[in-house]
Amino acid sequence: MVANVYEIDIMSHLNSDDWFWSKIVLINLYEVFVERKLHIYLTDKQNADITNSCVLDNLGDLKETLFNKFDKGVLVAILPPTVLESLHGKKIEEEIRPSLAKVQAGKDNPGVVMNVVEGKPQFVHRTFAEFFTARWFSRNVKDNRSVLERILSEPEYNFVRDMFDRSLAKDCPLHCGYDA
């Protein structure tokens, strides 16, 4: 993932005294990797559908739509049903069912969700699901504070907690560890 995300930077910094590894921000690494996967997905989708020439013109909107689908899909993948029922906006499973059906039928491959097993999306790696879980909670913390407090206190959600903290502190110079 690091090589994929920082491919251009690696070439320009290999012979430089200003080595960039100390400036890698974990949350940015996940965001850029997912954005690249989505760009590939949308390019393939546009190439397959010549009648829809504006797919890449609206990349930002489409990216946000797909990110929102991932956000909700991960809740089904990561959280137990009892926790899902406690969330504000309890119809999450109903909302994502059509998207999951397309992935399961092989009609849609966004590059991050690889398959659907027993109604749950299977991400390319669990940490991607945890990244999107943290992203969803950071956007919905006010309505779901009690659920968030409950799951973040459990050891199995350590990476979710770390990504949640990082998403809240994103772009803060102290968090980044260098002068912004």
N, C-alpha and C. Protein backbone atom coordinates (compact mmCIF):
# COMPACT_ATOMS: atom_id res chain seq x y z
N MET A 1 0.83 -1.18 0.00
CA MET A 1 0.00 0.00 0.00
C MET A 1 0.88 1.25 0.00
N VAL A 2 1.93 1.26 0.79
CA VAL A 2 2.81 2.44 0.87
C VAL A 2 3.42 2.72 -0.49
N ALA A 3 3.91 1.69 -1.16
CA ALA A 3 4.52 1.88 -2.47
C ALA A 3 3.51 2.42 -3.47
N ASN A 4 2.29 1.93 -3.41
CA ASN A 4 1.25 2.38 -4.32
C ASN A 4 0.91 3.85 -4.08
N VAL A 5 0.73 4.23 -2.85
CA VAL A 5 0.33 5.59 -2.52
C VAL A 5 1.45 6.59 -2.77
N TYR A 6 2.68 6.22 -2.41
CA TYR A 6 3.79 7.16 -2.50
C TYR A 6 4.72 6.91 -3.69
N GLU A 7 4.20 6.26 -4.71
CA GLU A 7 4.99 5.90 -5.88
C GLU A 7 5.73 7.10 -6.48
N ILE A 8 5.06 8.19 -6.71
CA ILE A 8 5.69 9.38 -7.30
C ILE A 8 6.67 10.00 -6.31
N ASP A 9 6.28 10.11 -5.05
CA ASP A 9 7.15 10.70 -4.04
C ASP A 9 8.44 9.91 -3.86
N ILE A 10 8.35 8.60 -3.94
CA ILE A 10 9.53 7.76 -3.74
C ILE A 10 10.57 8.09 -4.79
N MET A 11 10.16 8.20 -6.02
CA MET A 11 11.11 8.48 -7.10
C MET A 11 11.77 9.84 -6.92
N SER A 12 11.03 10.84 -6.48
CA SER A 12 11.61 12.17 -6.35
C SER A 12 12.44 12.33 -5.07
N HIS A 13 12.26 11.46 -4.10
CA HIS A 13 12.97 11.60 -2.82
C HIS A 13 14.08 10.58 -2.60
N LEU A 14 14.24 9.63 -3.50
CA LEU A 14 15.23 8.58 -3.28
C LEU A 14 16.64 9.13 -3.03
N ASN A 15 17.02 10.12 -3.77
CA ASN A 15 18.37 10.67 -3.65
C ASN A 15 18.39 11.98 -2.88
N SER A 16 17.34 12.27 -2.17
CA SER A 16 17.23 13.54 -1.45
C SER A 16 17.64 13.36 0.01
N ASP A 17 18.17 14.44 0.59
CA ASP A 17 18.48 14.43 2.01
C ASP A 17 17.22 14.58 2.85
N ASP A 18 16.16 15.05 2.24
CA ASP A 18 14.88 15.27 2.92
C ASP A 18 14.01 14.04 2.77
N TRP A 19 14.30 13.00 3.53
CA TRP A 19 13.57 11.74 3.44
C TRP A 19 12.16 11.93 3.98
N PHE A 20 11.15 11.49 3.26
CA PHE A 20 9.76 11.78 3.57
C PHE A 20 9.07 10.77 4.46
N TRP A 21 9.67 9.65 4.79
CA TRP A 21 8.98 8.62 5.59
C TRP A 21 8.50 9.15 6.93
N SER A 22 9.24 10.07 7.49
CA SER A 22 8.83 10.58 8.79
C SER A 22 7.56 11.43 8.69
N LYS A 23 7.16 11.77 7.48
CA LYS A 23 6.00 12.62 7.29
C LYS A 23 4.76 11.86 6.84
N ILE A 24 4.80 10.54 6.87
CA ILE A 24 3.63 9.76 6.48
C ILE A 24 2.60 9.85 7.59
N VAL A 25 1.42 10.25 7.23
CA VAL A 25 0.31 10.33 8.17
C VAL A 25 -0.62 9.16 7.84
N LEU A 26 -0.82 8.28 8.80
CA LEU A 26 -1.54 7.03 8.57
C LEU A 26 -2.91 7.23 7.93
N ILE A 27 -3.66 8.17 8.43
CA ILE A 27 -5.01 8.36 7.88
C ILE A 27 -4.95 8.82 6.43
N ASN A 28 -3.95 9.64 6.09
CA ASN A 28 -3.78 10.06 4.69
C ASN A 28 -3.41 8.88 3.81
N LEU A 29 -2.62 7.97 4.34
CA LEU A 29 -2.23 6.78 3.60
C LEU A 29 -3.47 5.99 3.17
N TYR A 30 -4.38 5.76 4.09
CA TYR A 30 -5.61 5.03 3.78
C TYR A 30 -6.48 5.82 2.80
N GLU A 31 -6.63 7.11 3.02
CA GLU A 31 -7.47 7.93 2.14
C GLU A 31 -6.94 7.94 0.71
N VAL A 32 -5.64 8.14 0.55
CA VAL A 32 -5.07 8.20 -0.80
C VAL A 32 -5.16 6.84 -1.49
N PHE A 33 -4.91 5.77 -0.74
CA PHE A 33 -5.00 4.43 -1.33
C PHE A 33 -6.42 4.16 -1.81
N VAL A 34 -7.41 4.47 -0.99
CA VAL A 34 -8.80 4.24 -1.37
C VAL A 34 -9.18 5.14 -2.55
N GLU A 35 -8.72 6.39 -2.54
CA GLU A 35 -9.00 7.28 -3.66
C GLU A 35 -8.42 6.74 -4.97
N ARG A 36 -7.22 6.18 -4.91
CA ARG A 36 -6.63 5.59 -6.11
C ARG A 36 -7.44 4.39 -6.59
N LYS A 37 -7.85 3.55 -5.67
CA LYS A 37 -8.69 2.40 -6.02
C LYS A 37 -9.99 2.87 -6.65
N LEU A 38 -10.59 3.91 -6.08
CA LEU A 38 -11.85 4.43 -6.62
C LEU A 38 -11.64 5.06 -8.00
N HIS A 39 -10.52 5.72 -8.20
CA HIS A 39 -10.24 6.30 -9.51
C HIS A 39 -10.15 5.20 -10.57
N ILE A 40 -9.47 4.11 -10.24
CA ILE A 40 -9.38 2.96 -11.15
C ILE A 40 -10.78 2.40 -11.41
N TYR A 41 -11.54 2.22 -10.35
CA TYR A 41 -12.91 1.70 -10.46
C TYR A 41 -13.76 2.58 -11.36
N LEU A 42 -13.72 3.90 -11.13
CA LEU A 42 -14.54 4.81 -11.92
C LEU A 42 -14.06 4.91 -13.37
N THR A 43 -12.75 4.83 -13.59
CA THR A 43 -12.23 4.82 -14.96
C THR A 43 -12.72 3.58 -15.69
N ASP A 44 -12.65 2.42 -15.04
CA ASP A 44 -13.15 1.18 -15.65
C ASP A 44 -14.64 1.27 -15.92
N LYS A 45 -15.37 1.85 -14.98
CA LYS A 45 -16.82 1.99 -15.14
C LYS A 45 -17.13 2.91 -16.33
N GLN A 46 -16.38 3.99 -16.46
CA GLN A 46 -16.60 4.91 -17.58
C GLN A 46 -16.25 4.24 -18.90
N ASN A 47 -15.17 3.48 -18.93
CA ASN A 47 -14.78 2.78 -20.15
C ASN A 47 -15.80 1.73 -20.56
N ALA A 48 -16.46 1.12 -19.58
CA ALA A 48 -17.47 0.10 -19.86
C ALA A 48 -18.79 0.71 -20.31
N ASP A 49 -19.05 1.95 -19.92
CA ASP A 49 -20.31 2.61 -20.24
C ASP A 49 -20.04 3.88 -21.03
N ILE A 50 -19.99 3.75 -22.35
CA ILE A 50 -19.66 4.91 -23.18
C ILE A 50 -20.76 5.95 -23.19
N THR A 51 -21.97 5.58 -22.74
CA THR A 51 -23.06 6.56 -22.70
C THR A 51 -22.93 7.49 -21.51
N ASN A 52 -22.07 7.15 -20.54
CA ASN A 52 -21.92 7.96 -19.34
C ASN A 52 -20.54 8.62 -19.35
N SER A 53 -20.38 9.64 -20.16
CA SER A 53 -19.08 10.27 -20.33
C SER A 53 -18.70 11.22 -19.20
N CYS A 54 -19.62 11.48 -18.26
CA CYS A 54 -19.31 12.45 -17.20
C CYS A 54 -18.90 11.79 -15.90
N VAL A 55 -18.63 10.48 -15.90
CA VAL A 55 -18.27 9.79 -14.66
C VAL A 55 -17.08 10.46 -13.99
N LEU A 56 -15.99 10.64 -14.71
CA LEU A 56 -14.80 11.21 -14.10
C LEU A 56 -14.91 12.71 -13.91
N ASP A 57 -15.83 13.36 -14.62
CA ASP A 57 -16.05 14.80 -14.41
C ASP A 57 -16.59 15.07 -13.02
N ASN A 58 -17.35 14.13 -12.49
CA ASN A 58 -17.95 14.27 -11.16
C ASN A 58 -17.25 13.38 -10.15
N LEU A 59 -15.95 13.23 -10.29
CA LEU A 59 -15.19 12.31 -9.45
C LEU A 59 -15.38 12.59 -7.97
N GLY A 60 -15.35 13.86 -7.57
CA GLY A 60 -15.51 14.20 -6.16
C GLY A 60 -16.84 13.75 -5.61
N ASP A 61 -17.92 13.98 -6.35
CA ASP A 61 -19.26 13.56 -5.91
C ASP A 61 -19.37 12.04 -5.85
N LEU A 62 -18.85 11.38 -6.88
CA LEU A 62 -18.92 9.92 -6.91
C LEU A 62 -18.06 9.31 -5.81
N LYS A 63 -16.89 9.91 -5.57
CA LYS A 63 -16.03 9.42 -4.50
C LYS A 63 -16.76 9.51 -3.16
N GLU A 64 -17.40 10.63 -2.91
CA GLU A 64 -18.12 10.81 -1.65
C GLU A 64 -19.28 9.82 -1.53
N THR A 65 -19.98 9.57 -2.64
CA THR A 65 -21.07 8.59 -2.64
C THR A 65 -20.55 7.20 -2.30
N LEU A 66 -19.44 6.81 -2.94
CA LEU A 66 -18.86 5.49 -2.67
C LEU A 66 -18.31 5.41 -1.25
N PHE A 67 -17.66 6.46 -0.79
CA PHE A 67 -17.16 6.47 0.59
C PHE A 67 -18.31 6.29 1.56
N ASN A 68 -19.44 6.93 1.31
CA ASN A 68 -20.60 6.79 2.20
C ASN A 68 -21.13 5.37 2.18
N LYS A 69 -21.13 4.73 1.02
CA LYS A 69 -21.55 3.32 0.95
C LYS A 69 -20.59 2.44 1.76
N PHE A 70 -19.28 2.70 1.61
CA PHE A 70 -18.30 1.94 2.38
C PHE A 70 -18.51 2.16 3.87
N ASP A 71 -18.74 3.43 4.24
CA ASP A 71 -18.94 3.76 5.66
C ASP A 71 -20.05 2.91 6.26
N LYS A 72 -21.15 2.80 5.57
CA LYS A 72 -22.28 2.02 6.10
C LYS A 72 -22.03 0.53 5.99
N GLY A 73 -21.37 0.11 4.92
CA GLY A 73 -21.07 -1.31 4.74
C GLY A 73 -20.18 -1.86 5.83
N VAL A 74 -19.22 -1.04 6.27
CA VAL A 74 -18.31 -1.52 7.30
C VAL A 74 -19.00 -1.71 8.63
N LEU A 75 -20.00 -0.91 8.88
CA LEU A 75 -20.71 -1.08 10.14
C LEU A 75 -21.32 -2.47 10.21
N VAL A 76 -21.84 -2.93 9.08
CA VAL A 76 -22.40 -4.28 9.02
C VAL A 76 -21.29 -5.32 9.13
N ALA A 77 -20.13 -5.03 8.55
CA ALA A 77 -19.02 -5.98 8.56
C ALA A 77 -18.33 -6.07 9.91
N ILE A 78 -18.22 -4.95 10.62
CA ILE A 78 -17.41 -4.87 11.83
C ILE A 78 -18.23 -5.04 13.12
N LEU A 79 -19.37 -4.40 13.17
CA LEU A 79 -20.12 -4.35 14.43
C LEU A 79 -21.09 -5.51 14.57
N PRO A 80 -21.23 -6.04 15.76
CA PRO A 80 -22.22 -7.10 15.99
C PRO A 80 -23.65 -6.55 15.84
N PRO A 81 -24.61 -7.40 15.48
CA PRO A 81 -25.99 -6.95 15.27
C PRO A 81 -26.58 -6.17 16.45
N THR A 82 -26.23 -6.55 17.68
CA THR A 82 -26.77 -5.82 18.83
C THR A 82 -26.29 -4.38 18.87
N VAL A 83 -25.05 -4.14 18.44
CA VAL A 83 -24.52 -2.78 18.40
C VAL A 83 -25.15 -2.02 17.24
N LEU A 84 -25.32 -2.69 16.09
CA LEU A 84 -25.96 -2.05 14.93
C LEU A 84 -27.34 -1.53 15.29
N GLU A 85 -28.08 -2.30 16.07
CA GLU A 85 -29.43 -1.89 16.46
C GLU A 85 -29.42 -0.66 17.35
N SER A 86 -28.32 -0.40 18.02
CA SER A 86 -28.21 0.75 18.92
C SER A 86 -27.88 2.05 18.19
N LEU A 87 -27.47 1.95 16.94
CA LEU A 87 -27.05 3.14 16.20
C LEU A 87 -28.23 4.01 15.81
N HIS A 88 -27.97 5.29 15.75
CA HIS A 88 -28.95 6.25 15.25
C HIS A 88 -29.09 6.02 13.75
N GLY A 89 -30.29 5.90 13.25
CA GLY A 89 -30.49 5.59 11.83
C GLY A 89 -30.32 4.10 11.63
N LYS A 90 -31.20 3.31 12.22
CA LYS A 90 -31.04 1.87 12.32
C LYS A 90 -31.25 1.11 11.00
N LYS A 91 -31.56 1.78 9.93
CA LYS A 91 -31.86 1.08 8.68
C LYS A 91 -30.62 0.92 7.80
N ILE A 92 -29.47 0.84 8.40
CA ILE A 92 -28.21 0.76 7.68
C ILE A 92 -28.17 -0.48 6.80
N GLU A 93 -28.54 -1.62 7.34
CA GLU A 93 -28.49 -2.87 6.56
C GLU A 93 -29.40 -2.79 5.35
N GLU A 94 -30.58 -2.21 5.51
CA GLU A 94 -31.51 -2.06 4.39
C GLU A 94 -30.94 -1.13 3.32
N GLU A 95 -30.28 -0.06 3.74
CA GLU A 95 -29.73 0.92 2.80
C GLU A 95 -28.63 0.33 1.92
N ILE A 96 -27.82 -0.54 2.48
CA ILE A 96 -26.68 -1.03 1.70
C ILE A 96 -26.96 -2.35 0.98
N ARG A 97 -28.09 -2.97 1.26
CA ARG A 97 -28.41 -4.27 0.65
C ARG A 97 -28.30 -4.25 -0.88
N PRO A 98 -28.83 -3.24 -1.60
CA PRO A 98 -28.70 -3.25 -3.07
C PRO A 98 -27.23 -3.19 -3.54
N SER A 99 -26.41 -2.39 -2.87
CA SER A 99 -25.00 -2.29 -3.24
C SER A 99 -24.28 -3.62 -3.00
N LEU A 100 -24.58 -4.25 -1.88
CA LEU A 100 -23.94 -5.53 -1.57
C LEU A 100 -24.37 -6.61 -2.56
N ALA A 101 -25.62 -6.57 -3.00
CA ALA A 101 -26.11 -7.55 -3.97
C ALA A 101 -25.35 -7.42 -5.30
N LYS A 102 -25.05 -6.19 -5.71
CA LYS A 102 -24.28 -5.99 -6.95
C LYS A 102 -22.87 -6.54 -6.81
N VAL A 103 -22.24 -6.30 -5.67
CA VAL A 103 -20.88 -6.82 -5.45
C VAL A 103 -20.91 -8.34 -5.44
N GLN A 104 -21.87 -8.91 -4.74
CA GLN A 104 -21.97 -10.36 -4.62
C GLN A 104 -22.23 -11.01 -5.98
N ALA A 105 -23.01 -10.35 -6.83
CA ALA A 105 -23.31 -10.89 -8.16
C ALA A 105 -22.18 -10.66 -9.16
N GLY A 106 -21.13 -9.94 -8.74
CA GLY A 106 -20.01 -9.67 -9.62
C GLY A 106 -20.26 -8.52 -10.59
N LYS A 107 -21.31 -7.74 -10.35
CA LYS A 107 -21.65 -6.62 -11.23
C LYS A 107 -20.97 -5.32 -10.80
N ASP A 108 -20.35 -5.32 -9.64
CA ASP A 108 -19.72 -4.11 -9.13
C ASP A 108 -18.49 -4.51 -8.32
N ASN A 109 -17.35 -3.88 -8.62
CA ASN A 109 -16.11 -4.16 -7.90
C ASN A 109 -15.38 -2.86 -7.63
N PRO A 110 -15.69 -2.22 -6.50
CA PRO A 110 -15.06 -0.93 -6.20
C PRO A 110 -13.61 -1.01 -5.78
N GLY A 111 -13.02 -2.20 -5.71
CA GLY A 111 -11.60 -2.33 -5.41
C GLY A 111 -11.25 -2.41 -3.95
N VAL A 112 -12.14 -2.06 -3.06
CA VAL A 112 -11.88 -2.13 -1.63
C VAL A 112 -12.74 -3.22 -1.00
N VAL A 113 -13.97 -3.35 -1.47
CA VAL A 113 -14.85 -4.43 -1.04
C VAL A 113 -14.68 -5.56 -2.06
N MET A 114 -14.18 -6.68 -1.60
CA MET A 114 -13.83 -7.76 -2.51
C MET A 114 -14.96 -8.76 -2.73
N ASN A 115 -15.80 -8.92 -1.71
CA ASN A 115 -16.84 -9.94 -1.80
C ASN A 115 -17.88 -9.66 -0.73
N VAL A 116 -18.97 -10.40 -0.77
CA VAL A 116 -19.99 -10.34 0.26
C VAL A 116 -20.24 -11.76 0.72
N VAL A 117 -20.11 -11.99 2.02
CA VAL A 117 -20.32 -13.32 2.59
C VAL A 117 -21.36 -13.19 3.70
N GLU A 118 -22.43 -13.96 3.57
CA GLU A 118 -23.53 -13.95 4.55
C GLU A 118 -24.03 -12.53 4.82
N GLY A 119 -24.14 -11.75 3.75
CA GLY A 119 -24.69 -10.39 3.87
C GLY A 119 -23.72 -9.35 4.41
N LYS A 120 -22.47 -9.74 4.61
CA LYS A 120 -21.47 -8.81 5.14
C LYS A 120 -20.37 -8.58 4.10
N PRO A 121 -20.03 -7.31 3.85
CA PRO A 121 -18.96 -7.04 2.89
C PRO A 121 -17.61 -7.49 3.44
N GLN A 122 -16.80 -8.04 2.56
CA GLN A 122 -15.45 -8.47 2.91
C GLN A 122 -14.49 -7.48 2.26
N PHE A 123 -13.79 -6.72 3.07
CA PHE A 123 -12.86 -5.71 2.58
C PHE A 123 -11.53 -6.34 2.23
N VAL A 124 -10.75 -5.65 1.41
CA VAL A 124 -9.45 -6.14 0.98
C VAL A 124 -8.58 -6.47 2.20
N HIS A 125 -8.78 -5.76 3.28
CA HIS A 125 -8.10 -6.04 4.54
C HIS A 125 -8.97 -5.47 5.66
N ARG A 126 -8.97 -6.11 6.80
CA ARG A 126 -9.80 -5.65 7.91
C ARG A 126 -9.52 -4.19 8.30
N THR A 127 -8.27 -3.76 8.17
CA THR A 127 -7.95 -2.39 8.56
C THR A 127 -8.68 -1.36 7.70
N PHE A 128 -9.03 -1.72 6.46
CA PHE A 128 -9.82 -0.80 5.65
C PHE A 128 -11.23 -0.67 6.21
N ALA A 129 -11.78 -1.78 6.65
CA ALA A 129 -13.09 -1.74 7.28
C ALA A 129 -13.03 -0.91 8.56
N GLU A 130 -11.96 -1.06 9.31
CA GLU A 130 -11.82 -0.29 10.54
C GLU A 130 -11.60 1.19 10.25
N PHE A 131 -10.88 1.50 9.18
CA PHE A 131 -10.70 2.89 8.75
C PHE A 131 -12.06 3.52 8.45
N PHE A 132 -12.90 2.83 7.67
CA PHE A 132 -14.21 3.37 7.34
C PHE A 132 -15.15 3.41 8.54
N THR A 133 -14.99 2.48 9.47
CA THR A 133 -15.79 2.52 10.70
C THR A 133 -15.46 3.78 11.49
N ALA A 134 -14.18 4.05 11.65
CA ALA A 134 -13.73 5.26 12.36
C ALA A 134 -14.21 6.50 11.64
N ARG A 135 -14.16 6.49 10.31
CA ARG A 135 -14.60 7.63 9.51
C ARG A 135 -16.09 7.89 9.75
N TRP A 136 -16.89 6.82 9.75
CA TRP A 136 -18.33 6.97 9.97
C TRP A 136 -18.61 7.54 11.36
N PHE A 137 -17.95 6.98 12.37
CA PHE A 137 -18.17 7.47 13.73
C PHE A 137 -17.71 8.91 13.90
N SER A 138 -16.63 9.30 13.23
CA SER A 138 -16.17 10.69 13.36
C SER A 138 -17.18 11.67 12.77
N ARG A 139 -17.97 11.21 11.81
CA ARG A 139 -19.00 12.06 11.20
C ARG A 139 -20.34 11.97 11.93
N ASN A 140 -20.52 10.95 12.73
CA ASN A 140 -21.80 10.71 13.39
C ASN A 140 -21.66 10.57 14.90
N VAL A 141 -20.66 11.19 15.46
CA VAL A 141 -20.34 11.02 16.88
C VAL A 141 -21.46 11.55 17.78
N LYS A 142 -22.07 12.65 17.42
CA LYS A 142 -23.08 13.25 18.30
C LYS A 142 -24.28 12.33 18.51
N ASP A 143 -24.73 11.70 17.45
CA ASP A 143 -25.92 10.84 17.55
C ASP A 143 -25.62 9.44 18.05
N ASN A 144 -24.35 9.08 18.12
CA ASN A 144 -23.99 7.70 18.46
C ASN A 144 -22.91 7.62 19.53
N ARG A 145 -22.86 8.60 20.38
CA ARG A 145 -21.81 8.69 21.38
C ARG A 145 -21.77 7.48 22.32
N SER A 146 -22.91 7.03 22.78
CA SER A 146 -22.91 5.90 23.73
C SER A 146 -22.41 4.62 23.07
N VAL A 147 -22.76 4.40 21.81
CA VAL A 147 -22.27 3.22 21.09
C VAL A 147 -20.77 3.34 20.87
N LEU A 148 -20.33 4.52 20.48
CA LEU A 148 -18.90 4.75 20.26
C LEU A 148 -18.10 4.49 21.52
N GLU A 149 -18.56 5.03 22.64
CA GLU A 149 -17.86 4.82 23.91
C GLU A 149 -17.78 3.33 24.26
N ARG A 150 -18.86 2.61 23.97
CA ARG A 150 -18.90 1.19 24.30
C ARG A 150 -17.91 0.39 23.44
N ILE A 151 -17.89 0.63 22.13
CA ILE A 151 -17.01 -0.18 21.30
C ILE A 151 -15.55 0.23 21.40
N LEU A 152 -15.29 1.51 21.62
CA LEU A 152 -13.89 1.96 21.68
C LEU A 152 -13.19 1.52 22.95
N SER A 153 -13.96 1.09 23.92
CA SER A 153 -13.34 0.59 25.16
C SER A 153 -12.95 -0.89 25.05
N GLU A 154 -13.36 -1.55 23.97
CA GLU A 154 -13.06 -2.96 23.78
C GLU A 154 -11.76 -3.14 22.98
N PRO A 155 -10.88 -4.04 23.41
CA PRO A 155 -9.58 -4.23 22.76
C PRO A 155 -9.66 -4.59 21.27
N GLU A 156 -10.71 -5.29 20.86
CA GLU A 156 -10.80 -5.70 19.46
C GLU A 156 -10.98 -4.51 18.51
N TYR A 157 -11.30 -3.34 19.06
CA TYR A 157 -11.49 -2.14 18.25
C TYR A 157 -10.34 -1.14 18.42
N ASN A 158 -9.16 -1.62 18.80
CA ASN A 158 -8.01 -0.72 19.00
C ASN A 158 -7.68 0.08 17.75
N PHE A 159 -7.68 -0.56 16.59
CA PHE A 159 -7.34 0.16 15.36
C PHE A 159 -8.43 1.16 15.01
N VAL A 160 -9.68 0.82 15.26
CA VAL A 160 -10.79 1.76 15.03
C VAL A 160 -10.57 2.99 15.91
N ARG A 161 -10.23 2.75 17.17
CA ARG A 161 -9.99 3.86 18.10
C ARG A 161 -8.82 4.73 17.61
N ASP A 162 -7.75 4.10 17.17
CA ASP A 162 -6.60 4.84 16.67
C ASP A 162 -6.97 5.68 15.44
N MET A 163 -7.69 5.08 14.50
CA MET A 163 -8.10 5.82 13.30
C MET A 163 -9.13 6.90 13.63
N PHE A 164 -9.99 6.65 14.60
CA PHE A 164 -10.96 7.66 15.04
C PHE A 164 -10.21 8.87 15.61
N ASP A 165 -9.24 8.61 16.48
CA ASP A 165 -8.44 9.70 17.04
C ASP A 165 -7.73 10.48 15.94
N ARG A 166 -7.16 9.76 14.99
CA ARG A 166 -6.43 10.39 13.89
C ARG A 166 -7.36 11.20 13.00
N SER A 167 -8.56 10.71 12.78
CA SER A 167 -9.49 11.46 11.92
C SER A 167 -9.94 12.75 12.60
N LEU A 168 -10.09 12.72 13.91
CA LEU A 168 -10.47 13.93 14.63
C LEU A 168 -9.33 14.94 14.66
N ALA A 169 -8.09 14.44 14.67
CA ALA A 169 -6.92 15.32 14.75
C ALA A 169 -6.29 15.60 13.39
N LYS A 170 -6.95 15.15 12.33
CA LYS A 170 -6.39 15.29 10.98
C LYS A 170 -6.03 16.74 10.67
N ASP A 171 -4.89 16.90 10.05
CA ASP A 171 -4.36 18.20 9.62
C ASP A 171 -3.90 19.09 10.76
N CYS A 172 -3.91 18.59 11.96
CA CYS A 172 -3.39 19.35 13.10
C CYS A 172 -1.87 19.17 13.11
N PRO A 173 -1.09 20.25 13.11
CA PRO A 173 0.37 20.12 13.04
C PRO A 173 0.96 19.25 14.16
N LEU A 174 0.41 19.33 15.35
CA LEU A 174 0.91 18.51 16.45
C LEU A 174 0.70 17.03 16.15
N HIS A 175 -0.46 16.69 15.60
CA HIS A 175 -0.76 15.31 15.24
C HIS A 175 0.19 14.81 14.16
N CYS A 176 0.47 15.66 13.19
CA CYS A 176 1.29 15.26 12.05
C CYS A 176 2.75 15.06 12.42
N GLY A 177 3.20 15.69 13.49
CA GLY A 177 4.57 15.50 13.94
C GLY A 177 5.59 16.35 13.22
N TYR A 178 5.13 17.32 12.47
CA TYR A 178 6.05 18.22 11.80
C TYR A 178 5.34 19.54 11.57
N ASP A 179 6.09 20.54 11.21
CA ASP A 179 5.50 21.85 10.96
C ASP A 179 4.72 21.81 9.66
N ALA A 180 3.46 22.16 9.74
CA ALA A 180 2.61 22.12 8.54
C ALA A 180 2.76 23.42 7.76
